[in-house]
Amino acid sequence: MKTLFLVRHGKSSWVDPLLTDFERPLNDRGRANSRTLAQYLAENKIIPELILSSPANRAITTARVISTELKYPLTNIAIKEEIYEATPERLLKLIQEQNDAFGSMMLFGHNPGFIMLAQELLTMEIEFFPTCAICGITFSINSWKDLGTGKGNCIIFKSPKKDFLLK
């Protein structure tokens, strides 16, 4: 059994028009929502064995806020350049390359790659994957290499405004 958690970064700030997309930080709401999601994960003992994050400022900041609450060592967050602006195919390849010793992993990144990957893994329509939302997917597989289209079962989809617990 493998479990994958996709976490879209918190709401970003557009205050400084000189910053690139990559450099944009979280805004106040993004930081607050990240803390709220972190508390929810901690209370429900949802603690991944591996965390991978996009290096974009808003994604890595979200990952650090959540990791701190989960007592996941910040130095263990693996920053993966390929998550930034990734296609679902690239995200799938990255996941499939991970060590099978990890039973669960959490990726921090961006749309449209995350919503498209979730739809592919679940073969269901997800209309919206808002900022600071988490989609948890389980797979009846022993190796990340076996991850593929339609093999997932959505166990949680939670956003700051909506909470869908799926069984």
C-alpha atoms as a PDB file:
ATOM      1  CA  MET A   1       0.000   0.000   0.000  1.00  0.00           C
ATOM      2  CA  LYS A   2       1.292   3.457  -0.946  1.00  0.00           C
ATOM      3  CA  THR A   3      -0.208   6.839  -0.091  1.00  0.00           C
ATOM      4  CA  LEU A   4       0.395  10.043  -2.010  1.00  0.00           C
ATOM      5  CA  PHE A   5      -0.567  13.501  -0.769  1.00  0.00           C
ATOM      6  CA  LEU A   6      -0.645  16.378  -3.247  1.00  0.00           C
ATOM      7  CA  VAL A   7      -0.604  19.803  -1.566  1.00  0.00           C
ATOM      8  CA  ARG A   8      -1.043  22.921  -3.634  1.00  0.00           C
ATOM      9  CA  HIS A   9       0.880  25.887  -2.233  1.00  0.00           C
ATOM     10  CA  GLY A  10      -0.882  28.541  -0.175  1.00  0.00           C
ATOM     11  CA  LYS A  11      -2.256  31.765  -1.640  1.00  0.00           C
ATOM     12  CA  SER A  12       0.543  33.927  -2.988  1.00  0.00           C
ATOM     13  CA  SER A  13       1.144  37.640  -2.826  1.00  0.00           C
ATOM     14  CA  TRP A  14       0.961  39.846  -5.903  1.00  0.00           C
ATOM     15  CA  VAL A  15       1.963  43.022  -4.017  1.00  0.00           C
ATOM     16  CA  ASP A  16       5.396  43.342  -5.640  1.00  0.00           C
ATOM     17  CA  PRO A  17       4.951  43.389  -9.438  1.00  0.00           C
ATOM     18  CA  LEU A  18       8.714  43.144  -9.927  1.00  0.00           C
ATOM     19  CA  LEU A  19       8.896  39.625  -8.501  1.00  0.00           C
ATOM     20  CA  THR A  20       8.881  36.726 -10.906  1.00  0.00           C
ATOM     21  CA  ASP A  21       6.274  33.982 -10.594  1.00  0.00           C
ATOM     22  CA  PHE A  22       8.966  31.791  -9.036  1.00  0.00           C
ATOM     23  CA  GLU A  23       9.805  34.392  -6.355  1.00  0.00           C
ATOM     24  CA  ARG A  24       6.265  35.257  -5.219  1.00  0.00           C
ATOM     25  CA  PRO A  25       5.830  34.704  -1.448  1.00  0.00           C
ATOM     26  CA  LEU A  26       2.748  33.618   0.452  1.00  0.00           C
ATOM     27  CA  ASN A  27       0.339  36.359   1.426  1.00  0.00           C
ATOM     28  CA  ASP A  28      -1.237  36.581   4.898  1.00  0.00           C
ATOM     29  CA  ARG A  29      -4.109  34.286   3.937  1.00  0.00           C
ATOM     30  CA  GLY A  30      -1.674  31.797   2.408  1.00  0.00           C
ATOM     31  CA  ARG A  31       0.357  31.635   5.625  1.00  0.00           C
ATOM     32  CA  ALA A  32      -2.792  31.321   7.778  1.00  0.00           C
ATOM     33  CA  ASN A  33      -4.249  28.580   5.570  1.00  0.00           C
ATOM     34  CA  SER A  34      -0.924  26.713   5.626  1.00  0.00           C
ATOM     35  CA  ARG A  35      -0.939  26.766   9.434  1.00  0.00           C
ATOM     36  CA  THR A  36      -4.568  25.612   9.508  1.00  0.00           C
ATOM     37  CA  LEU A  37      -3.855  22.718   7.150  1.00  0.00           C
ATOM     38  CA  ALA A  38      -0.759  21.817   9.176  1.00  0.00           C
ATOM     39  CA  GLN A  39      -2.808  21.660  12.380  1.00  0.00           C
ATOM     40  CA  TYR A  40      -5.443  19.497  10.672  1.00  0.00           C
ATOM     41  CA  LEU A  41      -2.769  17.079   9.431  1.00  0.00           C
ATOM     42  CA  ALA A  42      -1.117  16.886  12.857  1.00  0.00           C
ATOM     43  CA  GLU A  43      -4.436  16.337  14.657  1.00  0.00           C
ATOM     44  CA  ASN A  44      -5.290  13.516  12.237  1.00  0.00           C
ATOM     45  CA  LYS A  45      -1.780  12.040  12.398  1.00  0.00           C
ATOM     46  CA  ILE A  46      -1.244  12.467   8.676  1.00  0.00           C
ATOM     47  CA  ILE A  47       2.543  12.547   8.586  1.00  0.00           C
ATOM     48  CA  PRO A  48       4.298  11.535   5.376  1.00  0.00           C
ATOM     49  CA  GLU A  49       7.530   9.585   5.345  1.00  0.00           C
ATOM     50  CA  LEU A  50       8.885  11.687   2.468  1.00  0.00           C
ATOM     51  CA  ILE A  51       8.286  15.309   1.480  1.00  0.00           C
ATOM     52  CA  LEU A  52       9.159  16.698  -1.955  1.00  0.00           C
ATOM     53  CA  SER A  53       8.660  20.353  -2.837  1.00  0.00           C
ATOM     54  CA  SER A  54       8.874  22.697  -5.752  1.00  0.00           C
ATOM     55  CA  PRO A  55      11.632  25.254  -5.155  1.00  0.00           C
ATOM     56  CA  ALA A  56       9.241  28.152  -5.905  1.00  0.00           C
ATOM     57  CA  ASN A  57       9.034  30.464  -2.873  1.00  0.00           C
ATOM     58  CA  ARG A  58       5.314  29.958  -2.209  1.00  0.00           C
ATOM     59  CA  ALA A  59       5.567  26.141  -2.453  1.00  0.00           C
ATOM     60  CA  ILE A  60       8.653  25.666  -0.295  1.00  0.00           C
ATOM     61  CA  THR A  61       7.277  28.091   2.299  1.00  0.00           C
ATOM     62  CA  THR A  62       4.023  26.093   2.468  1.00  0.00           C
ATOM     63  CA  ALA A  63       6.059  22.890   2.810  1.00  0.00           C
ATOM     64  CA  ARG A  64       8.129  24.378   5.645  1.00  0.00           C
ATOM     65  CA  VAL A  65       5.090  25.645   7.576  1.00  0.00           C
ATOM     66  CA  ILE A  66       3.428  22.240   7.384  1.00  0.00           C
ATOM     67  CA  SER A  67       6.633  20.289   8.053  1.00  0.00           C
ATOM     68  CA  THR A  68       7.317  22.338  11.176  1.00  0.00           C
ATOM     69  CA  GLU A  69       3.887  21.508  12.619  1.00  0.00           C
ATOM     70  CA  LEU A  70       4.331  17.814  11.724  1.00  0.00           C
ATOM     71  CA  LYS A  71       7.817  17.804  13.285  1.00  0.00           C
ATOM     72  CA  TYR A  72       9.224  16.678   9.946  1.00  0.00           C
ATOM     73  CA  PRO A  73      12.858  17.871   9.755  1.00  0.00           C
ATOM     74  CA  LEU A  74      13.104  20.844   7.401  1.00  0.00           C
ATOM     75  CA  THR A  75      16.490  19.571   6.220  1.00  0.00           C
ATOM     76  CA  ASN A  76      14.766  16.394   4.965  1.00  0.00           C
ATOM     77  CA  ILE A  77      12.476  18.252   2.549  1.00  0.00           C
ATOM     78  CA  ALA A  78      13.708  17.270  -0.897  1.00  0.00           C
ATOM     79  CA  ILE A  79      13.547  20.249  -3.225  1.00  0.00           C
ATOM     80  CA  LYS A  80      12.789  19.067  -6.752  1.00  0.00           C
ATOM     81  CA  GLU A  81      13.178  21.594  -9.557  1.00  0.00           C
ATOM     82  CA  GLU A  82      11.024  19.473 -11.849  1.00  0.00           C
ATOM     83  CA  ILE A  83       7.871  20.054  -9.746  1.00  0.00           C
ATOM     84  CA  TYR A  84       7.771  23.730 -10.759  1.00  0.00           C
ATOM     85  CA  GLU A  85       5.635  24.078 -13.928  1.00  0.00           C
ATOM     86  CA  ALA A  86       5.485  20.274 -14.205  1.00  0.00           C
ATOM     87  CA  THR A  87       3.179  18.354 -16.474  1.00  0.00           C
ATOM     88  CA  PRO A  88       1.258  15.443 -14.952  1.00  0.00           C
ATOM     89  CA  GLU A  89       3.540  13.092 -16.889  1.00  0.00           C
ATOM     90  CA  ARG A  90       6.639  14.635 -15.314  1.00  0.00           C
ATOM     91  CA  LEU A  91       5.094  14.494 -11.828  1.00  0.00           C
ATOM     92  CA  LEU A  92       4.151  10.847 -12.323  1.00  0.00           C
ATOM     93  CA  LYS A  93       7.696  10.007 -13.430  1.00  0.00           C
ATOM     94  CA  LEU A  94       9.145  11.795 -10.385  1.00  0.00           C
ATOM     95  CA  ILE A  95       6.859   9.858  -8.021  1.00  0.00           C
ATOM     96  CA  GLN A  96       7.654   6.556  -9.734  1.00  0.00           C
ATOM     97  CA  GLU A  97      11.381   7.217  -9.216  1.00  0.00           C
ATOM     98  CA  GLN A  98      11.080   7.385  -5.410  1.00  0.00           C
ATOM     99  CA  ASN A  99      12.403   4.734  -3.062  1.00  0.00           C
ATOM    100  CA  ASP A 100       9.894   2.012  -2.235  1.00  0.00           C
ATOM    101  CA  ALA A 101      11.019   2.099   1.394  1.00  0.00           C
ATOM    102  CA  PHE A 102       8.727   5.138   1.708  1.00  0.00           C
ATOM    103  CA  GLY A 103       5.104   4.125   2.129  1.00  0.00           C
ATOM    104  CA  SER A 104       3.813   7.674   1.950  1.00  0.00           C
ATOM    105  CA  MET A 105       4.951  10.897   0.346  1.00  0.00           C
ATOM    106  CA  MET A 106       3.718  14.459   0.166  1.00  0.00           C
ATOM    107  CA  LEU A 107       4.378  16.739  -2.797  1.00  0.00           C
ATOM    108  CA  PHE A 108       4.090  20.519  -2.588  1.00  0.00           C
ATOM    109  CA  GLY A 109       3.543  22.239  -5.892  1.00  0.00           C
ATOM    110  CA  HIS A 110       1.304  23.897  -8.402  1.00  0.00           C
ATOM    111  CA  ASN A 111      -1.621  23.772 -10.761  1.00  0.00           C
ATOM    112  CA  PRO A 112      -2.371  22.875 -13.456  1.00  0.00           C
ATOM    113  CA  GLY A 113      -0.046  19.889 -12.993  1.00  0.00           C
ATOM    114  CA  PHE A 114      -1.513  18.801  -9.648  1.00  0.00           C
ATOM    115  CA  ILE A 115      -5.166  18.845 -10.668  1.00  0.00           C
ATOM    116  CA  MET A 116      -4.376  17.042 -13.915  1.00  0.00           C
ATOM    117  CA  LEU A 117      -2.306  14.393 -12.099  1.00  0.00           C
ATOM    118  CA  ALA A 118      -5.027  13.822  -9.489  1.00  0.00           C
ATOM    119  CA  GLN A 119      -7.643  13.413 -12.224  1.00  0.00           C
ATOM    120  CA  GLU A 120      -5.425  10.923 -14.034  1.00  0.00           C
ATOM    121  CA  LEU A 121      -4.626   8.849 -10.966  1.00  0.00           C
ATOM    122  CA  LEU A 122      -8.240   8.812  -9.798  1.00  0.00           C
ATOM    123  CA  THR A 123     -10.045   8.843 -13.158  1.00  0.00           C
ATOM    124  CA  MET A 124     -12.572  11.231 -11.700  1.00  0.00           C
ATOM    125  CA  GLU A 125     -13.326  14.846 -12.377  1.00  0.00           C
ATOM    126  CA  ILE A 126     -11.901  17.315  -9.892  1.00  0.00           C
ATOM    127  CA  GLU A 127     -13.343  20.656 -10.875  1.00  0.00           C
ATOM    128  CA  PHE A 128     -11.109  22.823  -8.722  1.00  0.00           C
ATOM    129  CA  PHE A 129      -7.881  22.301  -6.743  1.00  0.00           C
ATOM    130  CA  PRO A 130      -7.676  25.513  -4.707  1.00  0.00           C
ATOM    131  CA  THR A 131      -4.620  26.957  -3.036  1.00  0.00           C
ATOM    132  CA  CYS A 132      -3.568  25.174   0.154  1.00  0.00           C
ATOM    133  CA  ALA A 133      -5.740  22.160  -0.674  1.00  0.00           C
ATOM    134  CA  ILE A 134      -4.643  18.575  -0.094  1.00  0.00           C
ATOM    135  CA  CYS A 135      -5.620  15.501  -2.050  1.00  0.00           C
ATOM    136  CA  GLY A 136      -4.716  12.182  -0.427  1.00  0.00           C
ATOM    137  CA  ILE A 137      -4.684   9.113  -2.649  1.00  0.00           C
ATOM    138  CA  THR A 138      -4.020   5.488  -1.684  1.00  0.00           C
ATOM    139  CA  PHE A 139      -2.814   2.793  -4.054  1.00  0.00           C
ATOM    140  CA  SER A 140      -2.885  -0.978  -3.661  1.00  0.00           C
ATOM    141  CA  ILE A 141       0.684  -1.321  -4.906  1.00  0.00           C
ATOM    142  CA  ASN A 142       4.032  -2.251  -3.369  1.00  0.00           C
ATOM    143  CA  SER A 143       6.219  -0.136  -5.628  1.00  0.00           C
ATOM    144  CA  TRP A 144       5.937   3.505  -6.664  1.00  0.00           C
ATOM    145  CA  LYS A 145       6.916   2.304 -10.139  1.00  0.00           C
ATOM    146  CA  ASP A 146       3.459   0.674 -10.412  1.00  0.00           C
ATOM    147  CA  LEU A 147       1.640   3.970  -9.896  1.00  0.00           C
ATOM    148  CA  GLY A 148      -0.584   4.624 -12.869  1.00  0.00           C
ATOM    149  CA  THR A 149      -3.791   5.853 -14.409  1.00  0.00           C
ATOM    150  CA  GLY A 150      -6.931   5.025 -12.477  1.00  0.00           C
ATOM    151  CA  LYS A 151      -5.168   3.060  -9.751  1.00  0.00           C
ATOM    152  CA  GLY A 152      -5.842   5.505  -6.924  1.00  0.00           C
ATOM    153  CA  ASN A 153      -8.517   5.792  -4.270  1.00  0.00           C
ATOM    154  CA  CYS A 154      -9.123   9.309  -2.936  1.00  0.00           C
ATOM    155  CA  ILE A 155      -9.215   9.239   0.858  1.00  0.00           C
ATOM    156  CA  ILE A 156      -9.203  12.967   1.494  1.00  0.00           C
ATOM    157  CA  PHE A 157      -9.736  16.182  -0.384  1.00  0.00           C
ATOM    158  CA  LYS A 158      -9.583  19.187   1.888  1.00  0.00           C
ATOM    159  CA  SER A 159      -9.301  22.852   1.094  1.00  0.00           C
ATOM    160  CA  PRO A 160      -9.470  25.943   3.311  1.00  0.00           C
ATOM    161  CA  LYS A 161     -13.130  26.463   2.402  1.00  0.00           C
ATOM    162  CA  LYS A 162     -14.388  22.906   1.815  1.00  0.00           C
ATOM    163  CA  ASP A 163     -13.758  19.555   3.394  1.00  0.00           C
ATOM    164  CA  PHE A 164     -14.489  16.375   1.498  1.00  0.00           C
ATOM    165  CA  LEU A 165     -13.582  13.195   3.323  1.00  0.00           C
ATOM    166  CA  LEU A 166     -13.916  10.332   0.921  1.00  0.00           C
ATOM    167  CA  LYS A 167     -13.861   6.614   1.626  1.00  0.00           C
END
